[in-house]
Structures are given as structure tokens and as C-alpha cells.
Amino acid sequence: MKILCRALFVAFFAILIPSIALAAGGKARTVSITGVVQDEQGKPAANVIVEAPYWAHRYSTQTGADGKFSLEVELGPQRFPETKLTVPLHAKTRDGAMQAFRPGYGQEDQDKPLVLMPARELPVVVNDAEGQPVADAKILVDASYTQVAEAMSDAAGKATLRVPANATLQSIIATKADAGLDYFLFWTRKEPHSDPYRLEQDFKGPVTFTLNGMTKVAVLVTDEQGKPLAGVMVYPWLFEKPKKGGRRESFRVVILLAGD
């Protein structure tokens, strides 16, 4: 399988109620993300994992007995004049059975608690080109360019992912080194249907993947003088495969394999 990679810049910001602090002594600027997680009865939810992805990093903490949480996100060299920023927030119990998701992008309910709801289960099957099950394939689900679920296939090539019930899913991906990569895109709820390939938001599964090989790509990173640069983070960002659906007759998926 030939995999086409293109550079894609996607900026996503998180709605925060933040206090931006420029640390002394040249330290990186940070922003504080604070909030509270509750159950469906409005009671504080303790020991809930809360994650906030920002660029190539995934920040994580857990709620206290009062359901409150706080995350310090490093802004690095970016300069933001705003006093409020936006970042997706994903809260989940340790077993993933209860979850909450807020994508960011200026939602009106930004100051409201994250409310845990029963997670939606999505079964998947991963096979190779001959229809044989593929074990230990990594399956990822993203919503609003944010990874919201991850699982590994078992010996029968099967797995069940738990995703936030209120998340608008964007893509689901299966991959394994030397075995291949496959994916499906989802229709947004109001999007006109222009192809037969994408999945509905309420698709119950199973999602069946076919991994049919990979092509290795060598990458050389240099500076402006052509000298090799060590320690640069390099990872795939955009993959395209035929008959998967996408805009402008291209078939796109944002890949979420970057390290934390």
C-alpha cells in the first residue's frame, strides 16, 4: 500500500478560564486550565482522569474529592495576546465507562461543569489483506482533532473502544507496524452526504479494517545551511487512501500517532 503524506497545519485552541503567567527567569509561559467534573446527578466526581491535548503534548491530571481539577499547560514559544484560550477537555473514569468531552472552539457552556455520561461502545475487527485477524493492532478514535479512545486488537483481531457519548467523531484508525493502516471517516450530523464511504455518527459497528501493507519513508531534517538536525520531532500528520470519502474528492484522515 502506498501512503501519501502531506503537511497539514491545524490549529485548535482550548477554552479556558485561564490565568496566563509568564514565569520569571526565561521559563516557558504556562496557562492554568481549571474546572469541575460532576456525575449526572450534579454530584462532584472524584478521581476522574482529565486530559487536555495541546499541540503534540497530552496533559493529564485527576479530580479531587470536590470534583475540581487544574492543569498547567506550557505554551512554549507561542505568543497569544488573548486572555482566554481554547483546548479540548476529555474526562473519564479509570475504566472508561463514564466520560465527558468538550471540544473547545468557543462554546457557550465553557464555564459549566463537565458532566460524566455512560460511554458509547464501538466494536472493531482488524484483518489483513487475506482476511486473517491481526493481533496487537492499535486502534485510535478522534473527535475535533483530539484522540478520545485507544485500544489494541486481541488474537481474534477484535477490540471494543469506549468513546464520549456527546463527542462528534471524526475518524477511526487501525495500524500496526509492517502490517498496514486503514481508517474510516464519520459524517458530521448536518453534513450533506456526497459519498458512500463515511460512517454515520450513530454507527454501532463493528468497524472492519483491512491492513494491506506499508511503505517505509525515510526523512532527513536539515537547517537552512543543509546541516542535519538531531532531536527534531517528526511524525505523520495526514494520510490519504482511496474510497474513504473526504473533501474536494480527496480522502483524508488526521493521524494521531504523535507521542505525548
Protein backbone atom coordinates (compact mmCIF):
# COMPACT_ATOMS: atom_id res chain seq x y z
CA MET A 1 0.00 0.00 0.00
CA LYS A 2 1.33 3.36 -0.95
CA ILE A 3 0.74 6.00 1.69
CA LEU A 4 0.67 9.66 0.68
CA CYS A 5 1.67 12.20 3.29
CA ARG A 6 1.11 15.91 3.10
CA ALA A 7 1.72 18.67 5.55
CA LEU A 8 -1.38 19.98 7.21
CA PHE A 9 -1.50 22.76 9.71
CA VAL A 10 -4.43 22.56 12.04
CA ALA A 11 -4.73 24.99 14.90
CA PHE A 12 -7.03 24.04 17.68
CA PHE A 13 -7.33 26.03 20.86
CA ALA A 14 -8.97 25.29 24.25
CA ILE A 15 -11.48 27.34 26.00
CA LEU A 16 -10.03 28.15 29.30
CA ILE A 17 -10.69 30.21 32.22
CA PRO A 18 -7.04 30.76 32.47
CA SER A 19 -4.61 32.85 34.29
CA ILE A 20 -1.64 33.26 31.96
CA ALA A 21 1.60 33.58 33.83
CA LEU A 22 4.93 34.45 32.32
CA ALA A 23 7.40 32.72 34.59
CA ALA A 24 10.48 34.59 35.71
CA GLY A 25 13.97 33.73 34.60
CA GLY A 26 13.03 32.96 30.99
CA LYS A 27 10.87 29.97 31.85
CA ALA A 28 8.13 28.90 29.44
CA ARG A 29 4.76 30.63 29.63
CA THR A 30 2.00 28.49 31.07
CA VAL A 31 -1.77 28.63 31.22
CA SER A 32 -3.89 27.20 34.02
CA ILE A 33 -6.92 25.17 32.96
CA THR A 34 -9.38 24.77 35.82
CA GLY A 35 -12.81 23.23 36.06
CA VAL A 36 -15.04 20.71 37.77
CA VAL A 37 -16.38 17.27 36.82
CA GLN A 38 -19.78 16.07 38.01
CA ASP A 39 -21.96 13.00 37.59
CA GLU A 40 -25.42 13.15 36.02
CA GLN A 41 -26.95 13.93 39.43
CA GLY A 42 -24.78 17.01 39.79
CA LYS A 43 -22.53 15.50 42.45
CA PRO A 44 -18.73 16.04 42.33
CA ALA A 45 -16.87 13.19 40.61
CA ALA A 46 -13.62 12.33 42.38
CA ASN A 47 -10.56 10.54 40.94
CA VAL A 48 -11.64 11.19 37.34
CA ILE A 49 -8.88 11.48 34.74
CA VAL A 50 -8.94 14.80 32.87
CA GLU A 51 -6.85 15.24 29.72
CA ALA A 52 -6.10 18.35 27.67
CA PRO A 53 -4.19 17.91 24.40
CA TYR A 54 -2.19 20.89 23.22
CA TRP A 55 -0.10 20.68 20.06
CA ALA A 56 1.99 17.47 20.35
CA HIS A 57 1.50 17.06 24.11
CA ARG A 58 -1.25 15.49 26.19
CA TYR A 59 -1.59 16.95 29.67
CA SER A 60 -3.33 14.84 32.29
CA THR A 61 -4.49 15.14 35.89
CA GLN A 62 -7.28 13.80 38.07
CA THR A 63 -10.08 15.41 40.03
CA GLY A 64 -10.06 15.84 43.77
CA ALA A 65 -12.78 14.88 46.24
CA ASP A 66 -14.66 18.05 45.25
CA GLY A 67 -14.54 17.13 41.55
CA LYS A 68 -12.25 20.04 40.76
CA PHE A 69 -9.13 19.85 38.58
CA SER A 70 -6.31 22.08 37.46
CA LEU A 71 -3.83 21.64 34.61
CA GLU A 72 -0.73 23.68 33.81
CA VAL A 73 -0.22 23.77 30.05
CA GLU A 74 3.07 25.01 28.66
CA LEU A 75 2.64 27.47 25.79
CA GLY A 76 6.24 27.22 24.64
CA PRO A 77 7.34 29.90 22.15
CA GLN A 78 3.78 30.78 21.08
CA ARG A 79 2.61 34.31 21.78
CA PHE A 80 -1.08 34.76 22.46
CA PRO A 81 -2.47 38.24 23.12
CA GLU A 82 -5.80 36.79 24.27
CA THR A 83 -6.64 36.32 27.93
CA LYS A 84 -8.74 33.27 27.08
CA LEU A 85 -7.60 30.29 25.02
CA THR A 86 -9.35 27.14 23.91
CA VAL A 87 -8.27 23.50 24.35
CA PRO A 88 -10.37 20.31 24.15
CA LEU A 89 -11.07 18.64 27.50
CA HIS A 90 -11.71 14.92 27.96
CA ALA A 91 -12.76 13.47 31.33
CA LYS A 92 -13.16 9.76 32.04
CA THR A 93 -13.29 7.25 34.85
CA ARG A 94 -10.36 4.85 35.03
CA ASP A 95 -12.34 2.06 33.38
CA GLY A 96 -13.61 4.44 30.70
CA ALA A 97 -17.23 3.53 31.44
CA MET A 98 -18.20 7.15 32.17
CA GLN A 99 -16.88 10.03 30.06
CA ALA A 100 -17.34 13.70 29.23
CA PHE A 101 -15.95 15.71 26.33
CA ARG A 102 -15.75 19.39 25.47
CA PRO A 103 -14.12 20.18 22.11
CA GLY A 104 -13.31 23.83 22.71
CA TYR A 105 -13.79 26.36 19.93
CA GLY A 106 -15.68 28.97 21.98
CA GLN A 107 -18.63 27.00 23.25
CA GLU A 108 -21.19 28.92 25.29
CA ASP A 109 -21.08 26.31 28.06
CA GLN A 110 -17.35 26.76 28.67
CA ASP A 111 -17.89 27.73 32.31
CA LYS A 112 -20.21 24.82 33.08
CA PRO A 113 -19.07 21.54 34.70
CA LEU A 114 -18.02 18.55 32.64
CA VAL A 115 -20.83 16.03 33.16
CA LEU A 116 -19.98 12.31 33.04
CA MET A 117 -22.29 10.10 30.98
CA PRO A 118 -22.15 6.41 30.06
CA ALA A 119 -19.59 5.95 27.30
CA ARG A 120 -20.58 4.72 23.86
CA GLU A 121 -19.05 1.37 22.88
CA LEU A 122 -17.75 0.83 19.35
CA PRO A 123 -16.65 -2.72 18.39
CA VAL A 124 -13.96 -3.17 15.72
CA VAL A 125 -12.37 -6.03 13.77
CA VAL A 126 -8.88 -5.82 12.21
CA ASN A 127 -7.91 -8.19 9.38
CA ASP A 128 -5.04 -8.44 6.93
CA ALA A 129 -5.38 -8.48 3.13
CA GLU A 130 -6.16 -12.23 3.23
CA GLY A 131 -8.94 -11.77 5.75
CA GLN A 132 -6.92 -13.18 8.66
CA PRO A 133 -7.18 -11.46 12.08
CA VAL A 134 -4.43 -9.02 13.04
CA ALA A 135 -3.47 -9.05 16.72
CA ASP A 136 -1.90 -6.11 18.57
CA ALA A 137 -3.07 -3.50 16.08
CA LYS A 138 -3.52 -0.05 17.59
CA ILE A 139 -6.97 1.48 17.11
CA LEU A 140 -7.50 5.20 17.70
CA VAL A 141 -10.60 7.38 17.58
CA ASP A 142 -10.55 11.15 17.26
CA ALA A 143 -13.12 13.88 17.70
CA SER A 144 -12.37 17.54 16.93
CA TYR A 145 -8.73 16.59 16.14
CA THR A 146 -8.45 15.11 19.63
CA GLN A 147 -7.80 11.46 20.48
CA VAL A 148 -10.72 10.25 22.58
CA ALA A 149 -10.16 6.46 22.62
CA GLU A 150 -7.44 3.88 22.14
CA ALA A 151 -7.40 0.08 22.15
CA MET A 152 -5.34 -2.89 20.94
CA SER A 153 -6.82 -5.77 18.95
CA ASP A 154 -6.76 -9.22 20.54
CA ALA A 155 -5.72 -12.54 18.97
CA ALA A 156 -9.01 -12.61 17.05
CA GLY A 157 -8.35 -9.12 15.71
CA LYS A 158 -11.17 -7.68 17.82
CA ALA A 159 -11.42 -4.76 20.23
CA THR A 160 -14.07 -2.55 21.78
CA LEU A 161 -13.50 1.18 22.16
CA ARG A 162 -15.28 3.43 24.61
CA VAL A 163 -15.83 6.99 23.41
CA PRO A 164 -17.64 10.00 24.92
CA ALA A 165 -21.35 9.82 24.10
CA ASN A 166 -21.51 13.55 23.32
CA ALA A 167 -18.44 13.67 21.05
CA THR A 168 -18.80 14.22 17.32
CA LEU A 169 -16.47 11.54 15.96
CA GLN A 170 -14.15 12.46 13.12
CA SER A 171 -12.17 9.33 12.25
CA ILE A 172 -11.22 5.88 13.49
CA ILE A 173 -7.84 4.40 12.60
CA ALA A 174 -6.20 0.98 12.87
CA THR A 175 -2.48 0.49 12.33
CA LYS A 176 0.35 -1.91 13.07
CA ALA A 177 4.00 -1.65 12.11
CA ASP A 178 4.73 -3.61 8.90
CA ALA A 179 1.09 -4.68 8.67
CA GLY A 180 -0.53 -1.52 7.36
CA LEU A 181 -3.00 1.23 8.14
CA ASP A 182 -6.71 1.61 7.49
CA TYR A 183 -9.32 4.14 8.59
CA PHE A 184 -12.88 5.38 8.28
CA LEU A 185 -14.24 8.91 8.44
CA PHE A 186 -17.55 9.92 10.02
CA TRP A 187 -20.22 12.23 8.69
CA THR A 188 -20.95 15.25 10.83
CA ARG A 189 -24.62 15.45 11.76
CA LYS A 190 -25.51 18.28 9.37
CA GLU A 191 -23.06 17.49 6.58
CA PRO A 192 -24.51 16.75 3.10
CA HIS A 193 -23.78 13.14 2.11
CA SER A 194 -21.61 13.17 -1.01
CA ASP A 195 -20.09 9.68 -0.98
CA PRO A 196 -20.96 6.15 0.21
CA TYR A 197 -17.84 5.57 2.28
CA ARG A 198 -18.10 7.52 5.52
CA LEU A 199 -19.89 6.29 8.65
CA GLU A 200 -22.87 7.84 10.40
CA GLN A 201 -22.33 9.31 13.86
CA ASP A 202 -24.65 6.69 15.38
CA PHE A 203 -22.96 3.77 13.58
CA LYS A 204 -22.97 0.87 16.03
CA GLY A 205 -20.33 -1.29 14.35
CA PRO A 206 -18.50 -3.43 14.03
CA VAL A 207 -15.98 -1.35 12.10
CA THR A 208 -13.94 -3.74 9.95
CA PHE A 209 -10.42 -2.71 8.96
CA THR A 210 -8.12 -4.23 6.36
CA LEU A 211 -4.37 -3.75 6.84
CA ASN A 212 -2.72 -4.41 3.48
CA GLY A 213 0.90 -3.43 3.94
CA MET A 214 3.04 -0.35 4.41
CA THR A 215 5.69 1.62 2.57
CA LYS A 216 8.54 2.91 4.70
CA VAL A 217 9.51 6.55 4.23
CA ALA A 218 12.94 7.94 5.16
CA VAL A 219 13.01 11.58 6.33
CA LEU A 220 16.05 13.87 6.59
CA VAL A 221 15.70 17.12 8.55
CA THR A 222 18.25 19.87 7.93
CA ASP A 223 18.74 23.51 8.83
CA GLU A 224 18.93 26.35 6.29
CA GLN A 225 22.57 25.50 5.62
CA GLY A 226 21.70 21.89 4.84
CA LYS A 227 23.20 20.51 8.03
CA PRO A 228 21.39 17.57 9.66
CA LEU A 229 19.32 18.41 12.74
CA ALA A 230 19.12 15.92 15.60
CA GLY A 231 16.31 15.65 18.11
CA VAL A 232 13.56 17.07 15.88
CA MET A 233 10.11 15.54 16.40
CA VAL A 234 8.91 14.03 13.11
CA TYR A 235 5.58 12.25 12.74
CA PRO A 236 2.92 11.68 10.06
CA TRP A 237 0.08 14.16 10.09
CA LEU A 238 -2.11 13.46 7.08
CA PHE A 239 -2.83 10.19 5.28
CA GLU A 240 -4.96 9.66 2.20
CA LYS A 241 -6.43 6.42 0.88
CA PRO A 242 -8.92 5.89 -1.96
CA LYS A 243 -12.62 5.26 -1.42
CA LYS A 244 -12.70 6.64 2.09
CA GLY A 245 -14.54 9.91 1.49
CA GLY A 246 -13.33 13.44 2.11
CA ARG A 247 -13.42 16.97 0.86
CA ARG A 248 -12.59 18.04 -2.68
CA GLU A 249 -12.55 14.42 -3.82
CA SER A 250 -9.51 13.69 -1.67
CA PHE A 251 -9.51 11.09 1.02
CA ARG A 252 -8.14 12.41 4.23
CA VAL A 253 -7.59 11.42 7.80
CA VAL A 254 -5.69 13.18 10.53
CA ILE A 255 -3.36 10.70 12.15
CA LEU A 256 -2.98 10.67 15.93
CA LEU A 257 0.19 8.69 16.39
CA ALA A 258 2.30 11.54 17.69
CA GLY A 259 3.96 10.92 21.03
CA ASP A 260 2.66 12.57 24.16
